[in-house]
């Protein structure tokens, strides 16, 4: 219930849940067919798929799946075929800096 949904781009929304000194917990909602470019992380990032599917580079994850993106190791493009809702915890995403 905390926070509000904010649009990051067409078909991609974020809802910040908790902010700490160096990390955030947030929900990320992506409509079917949406993509986020490949990137790396300043710290480990945990991802739990709550709904739908997500490709994390070459890994295809579905509701209930967990993924850990290790610090400094880039992962490929994120994209979803059916749309998804993700819970993430890790470094603040660049695109969301002004919402935290």
N, C-alpha and C. Protein backbone atom coordinates (compact mmCIF):
# COMPACT_ATOMS: atom_id res chain seq x y z
N UNK A 1 0.82 -1.19 0.00
CA UNK A 1 0.00 0.00 0.00
C UNK A 1 0.86 1.26 0.00
N UNK A 2 2.12 1.15 0.45
CA UNK A 2 3.01 2.30 0.46
C UNK A 2 3.37 2.71 -0.96
N UNK A 3 3.67 3.96 -1.14
CA UNK A 3 4.14 4.45 -2.42
C UNK A 3 3.05 4.57 -3.46
N UNK A 4 3.45 5.14 -4.60
CA UNK A 4 2.54 5.31 -5.73
C UNK A 4 3.22 4.77 -6.98
N UNK A 5 2.44 4.37 -7.94
CA UNK A 5 2.97 3.93 -9.23
C UNK A 5 3.41 5.15 -10.03
N UNK A 6 4.58 5.06 -10.67
CA UNK A 6 5.12 6.10 -11.53
C UNK A 6 5.50 5.46 -12.86
N UNK A 7 5.25 6.15 -13.95
CA UNK A 7 5.59 5.65 -15.27
C UNK A 7 7.05 5.97 -15.58
N UNK A 8 7.82 4.92 -15.93
CA UNK A 8 9.21 5.11 -16.34
C UNK A 8 9.31 5.29 -17.84
N UNK A 9 8.35 4.72 -18.55
CA UNK A 9 8.31 4.79 -20.00
C UNK A 9 7.06 4.07 -20.46
N UNK A 10 6.78 4.09 -21.75
CA UNK A 10 5.58 3.39 -22.23
C UNK A 10 5.57 1.92 -21.80
N UNK A 11 4.54 1.52 -21.06
CA UNK A 11 4.39 0.13 -20.65
C UNK A 11 5.26 -0.31 -19.51
N UNK A 12 5.96 0.62 -18.84
CA UNK A 12 6.84 0.26 -17.71
C UNK A 12 6.57 1.21 -16.56
N UNK A 13 6.16 0.64 -15.41
CA UNK A 13 5.83 1.42 -14.22
C UNK A 13 6.61 0.90 -13.02
N UNK A 14 6.87 1.78 -12.07
CA UNK A 14 7.61 1.43 -10.86
C UNK A 14 6.86 1.95 -9.64
N UNK A 15 6.93 1.18 -8.56
CA UNK A 15 6.35 1.60 -7.28
C UNK A 15 7.40 1.34 -6.21
N UNK A 16 7.99 2.40 -5.67
CA UNK A 16 8.99 2.26 -4.62
C UNK A 16 8.30 1.90 -3.31
N UNK A 17 8.84 0.88 -2.64
CA UNK A 17 8.25 0.40 -1.39
C UNK A 17 9.06 0.82 -0.17
N UNK A 18 10.39 0.77 -0.29
CA UNK A 18 11.25 1.09 0.84
C UNK A 18 12.58 1.61 0.32
N UNK A 19 13.08 2.64 0.98
CA UNK A 19 14.37 3.22 0.61
C UNK A 19 15.31 3.17 1.80
N UNK A 20 16.53 2.71 1.55
CA UNK A 20 17.58 2.71 2.55
C UNK A 20 18.74 3.52 1.99
N UNK A 21 19.82 3.63 2.73
CA UNK A 21 20.95 4.46 2.30
C UNK A 21 21.47 4.07 0.92
N UNK A 22 21.62 2.78 0.66
CA UNK A 22 22.24 2.37 -0.61
C UNK A 22 21.36 1.44 -1.44
N UNK A 23 20.14 1.19 -1.00
CA UNK A 23 19.29 0.27 -1.76
C UNK A 23 17.82 0.64 -1.64
N UNK A 24 17.03 0.05 -2.52
CA UNK A 24 15.59 0.24 -2.50
C UNK A 24 14.90 -1.10 -2.74
N UNK A 25 13.67 -1.18 -2.29
CA UNK A 25 12.78 -2.30 -2.62
C UNK A 25 11.65 -1.69 -3.44
N UNK A 26 11.32 -2.34 -4.56
CA UNK A 26 10.30 -1.77 -5.43
C UNK A 26 9.61 -2.83 -6.27
N UNK A 27 8.44 -2.46 -6.77
CA UNK A 27 7.72 -3.28 -7.73
C UNK A 27 7.96 -2.68 -9.11
N UNK A 28 8.13 -3.55 -10.10
CA UNK A 28 8.29 -3.12 -11.48
C UNK A 28 7.24 -3.85 -12.31
N UNK A 29 6.43 -3.10 -13.02
CA UNK A 29 5.37 -3.68 -13.85
C UNK A 29 5.70 -3.37 -15.30
N UNK A 30 5.71 -4.42 -16.13
CA UNK A 30 6.01 -4.25 -17.55
C UNK A 30 4.88 -4.87 -18.36
N UNK A 31 4.39 -4.15 -19.35
CA UNK A 31 3.35 -4.66 -20.24
C UNK A 31 3.98 -5.66 -21.23
N UNK A 32 3.16 -6.48 -21.82
CA UNK A 32 3.63 -7.47 -22.79
C UNK A 32 4.48 -6.81 -23.88
N UNK A 33 5.61 -7.44 -24.19
CA UNK A 33 6.48 -6.96 -25.25
C UNK A 33 7.47 -5.88 -24.85
N UNK A 34 7.43 -5.39 -23.60
CA UNK A 34 8.32 -4.31 -23.17
C UNK A 34 9.74 -4.83 -22.93
N UNK A 35 10.70 -3.91 -23.05
CA UNK A 35 12.12 -4.24 -22.92
C UNK A 35 12.85 -3.20 -22.08
N UNK A 36 13.88 -3.65 -21.36
CA UNK A 36 14.80 -2.78 -20.64
C UNK A 36 16.19 -3.18 -21.10
N UNK A 37 17.02 -2.23 -21.52
CA UNK A 37 18.34 -2.57 -22.06
C UNK A 37 19.22 -3.32 -21.06
N UNK A 38 20.21 -4.04 -21.60
CA UNK A 38 21.20 -4.74 -20.78
C UNK A 38 21.90 -3.72 -19.88
N UNK A 39 22.26 -4.16 -18.68
CA UNK A 39 22.93 -3.26 -17.73
C UNK A 39 23.63 -4.09 -16.66
N UNK A 40 24.46 -3.44 -15.86
CA UNK A 40 25.06 -4.11 -14.71
C UNK A 40 24.61 -3.39 -13.45
N UNK A 41 25.10 -3.84 -12.31
CA UNK A 41 24.63 -3.31 -11.03
C UNK A 41 25.80 -2.92 -10.13
N UNK A 42 25.63 -1.84 -9.38
CA UNK A 42 26.63 -1.40 -8.42
C UNK A 42 26.65 -2.30 -7.19
N UNK A 43 25.58 -3.06 -6.99
CA UNK A 43 25.47 -3.99 -5.86
C UNK A 43 24.56 -5.13 -6.31
N UNK A 44 24.50 -6.20 -5.52
CA UNK A 44 23.62 -7.32 -5.86
C UNK A 44 22.17 -6.83 -5.94
N UNK A 45 21.41 -7.43 -6.87
CA UNK A 45 19.99 -7.10 -7.00
C UNK A 45 19.20 -8.40 -7.02
N UNK A 46 18.21 -8.48 -6.12
CA UNK A 46 17.33 -9.65 -6.06
C UNK A 46 16.05 -9.37 -6.82
N UNK A 47 15.54 -10.38 -7.51
CA UNK A 47 14.31 -10.24 -8.28
C UNK A 47 13.43 -11.46 -8.04
N UNK A 48 12.18 -11.21 -7.69
CA UNK A 48 11.18 -12.26 -7.54
C UNK A 48 10.05 -11.96 -8.52
N UNK A 49 9.76 -12.92 -9.39
CA UNK A 49 8.68 -12.74 -10.36
C UNK A 49 7.36 -13.04 -9.66
N UNK A 50 6.49 -12.04 -9.58
CA UNK A 50 5.19 -12.21 -8.92
C UNK A 50 4.11 -12.65 -9.91
N UNK A 51 4.17 -12.12 -11.13
CA UNK A 51 3.19 -12.45 -12.17
C UNK A 51 3.88 -12.45 -13.52
N UNK A 52 3.40 -13.28 -14.44
CA UNK A 52 3.85 -13.25 -15.81
C UNK A 52 5.20 -13.91 -16.04
N UNK A 53 5.92 -13.40 -17.04
CA UNK A 53 7.23 -13.95 -17.40
C UNK A 53 8.20 -12.81 -17.67
N UNK A 54 9.50 -13.11 -17.51
CA UNK A 54 10.54 -12.13 -17.81
C UNK A 54 11.77 -12.88 -18.31
N UNK A 55 12.35 -12.38 -19.37
CA UNK A 55 13.66 -12.85 -19.83
C UNK A 55 14.69 -11.94 -19.19
N UNK A 56 15.64 -12.52 -18.45
CA UNK A 56 16.75 -11.80 -17.83
C UNK A 56 17.99 -12.27 -18.59
N UNK A 57 18.28 -11.61 -19.69
CA UNK A 57 19.33 -12.13 -20.57
C UNK A 57 18.83 -13.42 -21.19
N UNK A 58 19.56 -14.53 -20.95
CA UNK A 58 19.19 -15.84 -21.51
C UNK A 58 18.32 -16.67 -20.56
N UNK A 59 18.02 -16.14 -19.38
CA UNK A 59 17.22 -16.85 -18.38
C UNK A 59 15.76 -16.44 -18.50
N UNK A 60 14.87 -17.42 -18.69
CA UNK A 60 13.44 -17.15 -18.78
C UNK A 60 12.81 -17.51 -17.44
N UNK A 61 12.26 -16.54 -16.74
CA UNK A 61 11.69 -16.74 -15.41
C UNK A 61 10.18 -16.51 -15.43
N UNK A 62 9.49 -17.23 -14.54
CA UNK A 62 8.03 -17.18 -14.45
C UNK A 62 7.61 -16.91 -13.01
N UNK A 63 6.32 -16.68 -12.80
CA UNK A 63 5.79 -16.40 -11.45
C UNK A 63 6.34 -17.41 -10.45
N UNK A 64 6.89 -16.89 -9.36
CA UNK A 64 7.46 -17.72 -8.31
C UNK A 64 8.97 -17.91 -8.43
N UNK A 65 9.56 -17.55 -9.57
CA UNK A 65 11.00 -17.72 -9.77
C UNK A 65 11.76 -16.55 -9.16
N UNK A 66 12.99 -16.86 -8.71
CA UNK A 66 13.90 -15.90 -8.08
C UNK A 66 15.15 -15.78 -8.94
N UNK A 67 15.69 -14.57 -9.05
CA UNK A 67 16.92 -14.34 -9.79
C UNK A 67 17.79 -13.37 -9.01
N UNK A 68 19.10 -13.68 -8.93
CA UNK A 68 20.05 -12.80 -8.27
C UNK A 68 21.02 -12.27 -9.33
N UNK A 69 21.05 -10.97 -9.51
CA UNK A 69 22.01 -10.32 -10.40
C UNK A 69 23.16 -9.85 -9.53
N UNK A 70 24.32 -10.46 -9.70
CA UNK A 70 25.49 -10.12 -8.88
C UNK A 70 26.09 -8.79 -9.28
N UNK A 71 26.62 -8.11 -8.30
CA UNK A 71 27.29 -6.83 -8.48
C UNK A 71 28.39 -6.94 -9.53
N UNK A 72 28.40 -5.98 -10.46
CA UNK A 72 29.46 -5.90 -11.44
C UNK A 72 29.37 -6.87 -12.60
N UNK A 73 28.40 -7.77 -12.57
CA UNK A 73 28.25 -8.73 -13.67
C UNK A 73 27.04 -8.31 -14.50
N UNK A 74 27.28 -7.86 -15.72
CA UNK A 74 26.15 -7.41 -16.55
C UNK A 74 25.22 -8.56 -16.92
N UNK A 75 23.96 -8.26 -17.02
CA UNK A 75 23.04 -9.26 -17.57
C UNK A 75 22.40 -8.67 -18.81
N UNK A 76 21.94 -9.56 -19.66
CA UNK A 76 21.38 -9.12 -20.93
C UNK A 76 20.08 -8.35 -20.76
N UNK A 77 19.54 -7.98 -21.87
CA UNK A 77 18.29 -7.23 -21.92
C UNK A 77 17.18 -7.96 -21.15
N UNK A 78 16.34 -7.18 -20.48
CA UNK A 78 15.13 -7.72 -19.86
C UNK A 78 13.99 -7.52 -20.84
N UNK A 79 13.21 -8.57 -21.05
CA UNK A 79 12.00 -8.39 -21.85
C UNK A 79 10.96 -9.42 -21.42
N UNK A 80 9.72 -9.06 -21.65
CA UNK A 80 8.61 -9.91 -21.25
C UNK A 80 7.71 -10.18 -22.44
N UNK A 81 7.28 -11.42 -22.56
CA UNK A 81 6.38 -11.79 -23.64
C UNK A 81 4.92 -11.52 -23.26
N UNK A 82 4.55 -11.85 -22.02
CA UNK A 82 3.15 -11.76 -21.59
C UNK A 82 2.86 -10.58 -20.68
N UNK A 83 3.92 -9.87 -20.25
CA UNK A 83 3.79 -8.85 -19.23
C UNK A 83 4.23 -9.45 -17.90
N UNK A 84 4.61 -8.61 -16.95
CA UNK A 84 5.07 -9.14 -15.67
C UNK A 84 4.93 -8.12 -14.56
N UNK A 85 4.99 -8.65 -13.34
CA UNK A 85 5.09 -7.84 -12.13
C UNK A 85 6.24 -8.44 -11.34
N UNK A 86 7.24 -7.62 -11.04
CA UNK A 86 8.44 -8.07 -10.34
C UNK A 86 8.60 -7.34 -9.03
N UNK A 87 9.14 -8.05 -8.02
CA UNK A 87 9.60 -7.42 -6.79
C UNK A 87 11.12 -7.41 -6.88
N UNK A 88 11.73 -6.24 -6.71
CA UNK A 88 13.18 -6.13 -6.77
C UNK A 88 13.72 -5.44 -5.54
N UNK A 89 14.92 -5.86 -5.13
CA UNK A 89 15.62 -5.22 -4.02
C UNK A 89 17.08 -5.12 -4.40
N UNK A 90 17.59 -3.91 -4.38
CA UNK A 90 18.99 -3.69 -4.73
C UNK A 90 19.28 -2.22 -4.87
N UNK A 91 20.31 -1.90 -5.65
CA UNK A 91 20.66 -0.49 -5.83
C UNK A 91 19.54 0.27 -6.52
N UNK A 92 19.45 1.54 -6.24
CA UNK A 92 18.39 2.37 -6.83
C UNK A 92 18.55 2.39 -8.34
N UNK A 93 17.50 2.05 -9.10
CA UNK A 93 17.61 2.12 -10.56
C UNK A 93 17.75 3.56 -11.02
N UNK A 94 18.65 3.79 -11.97
CA UNK A 94 18.91 5.15 -12.46
C UNK A 94 17.64 5.88 -12.87
N UNK A 95 16.77 5.21 -13.60
CA UNK A 95 15.56 5.84 -14.12
C UNK A 95 14.61 6.27 -13.01
N UNK A 96 14.77 5.68 -11.82
CA UNK A 96 13.84 5.97 -10.72
C UNK A 96 14.44 6.92 -9.69
N UNK A 97 15.60 7.47 -9.95
CA UNK A 97 16.28 8.29 -8.96
C UNK A 97 15.43 9.42 -8.40
N UNK A 98 14.63 10.05 -9.25
CA UNK A 98 13.86 11.21 -8.76
C UNK A 98 12.58 10.80 -8.02
N UNK A 99 12.29 9.51 -7.90
CA UNK A 99 11.11 9.07 -7.14
C UNK A 99 11.48 8.65 -5.73
N UNK A 100 12.76 8.40 -5.47
CA UNK A 100 13.16 7.87 -4.16
C UNK A 100 13.40 9.00 -3.18
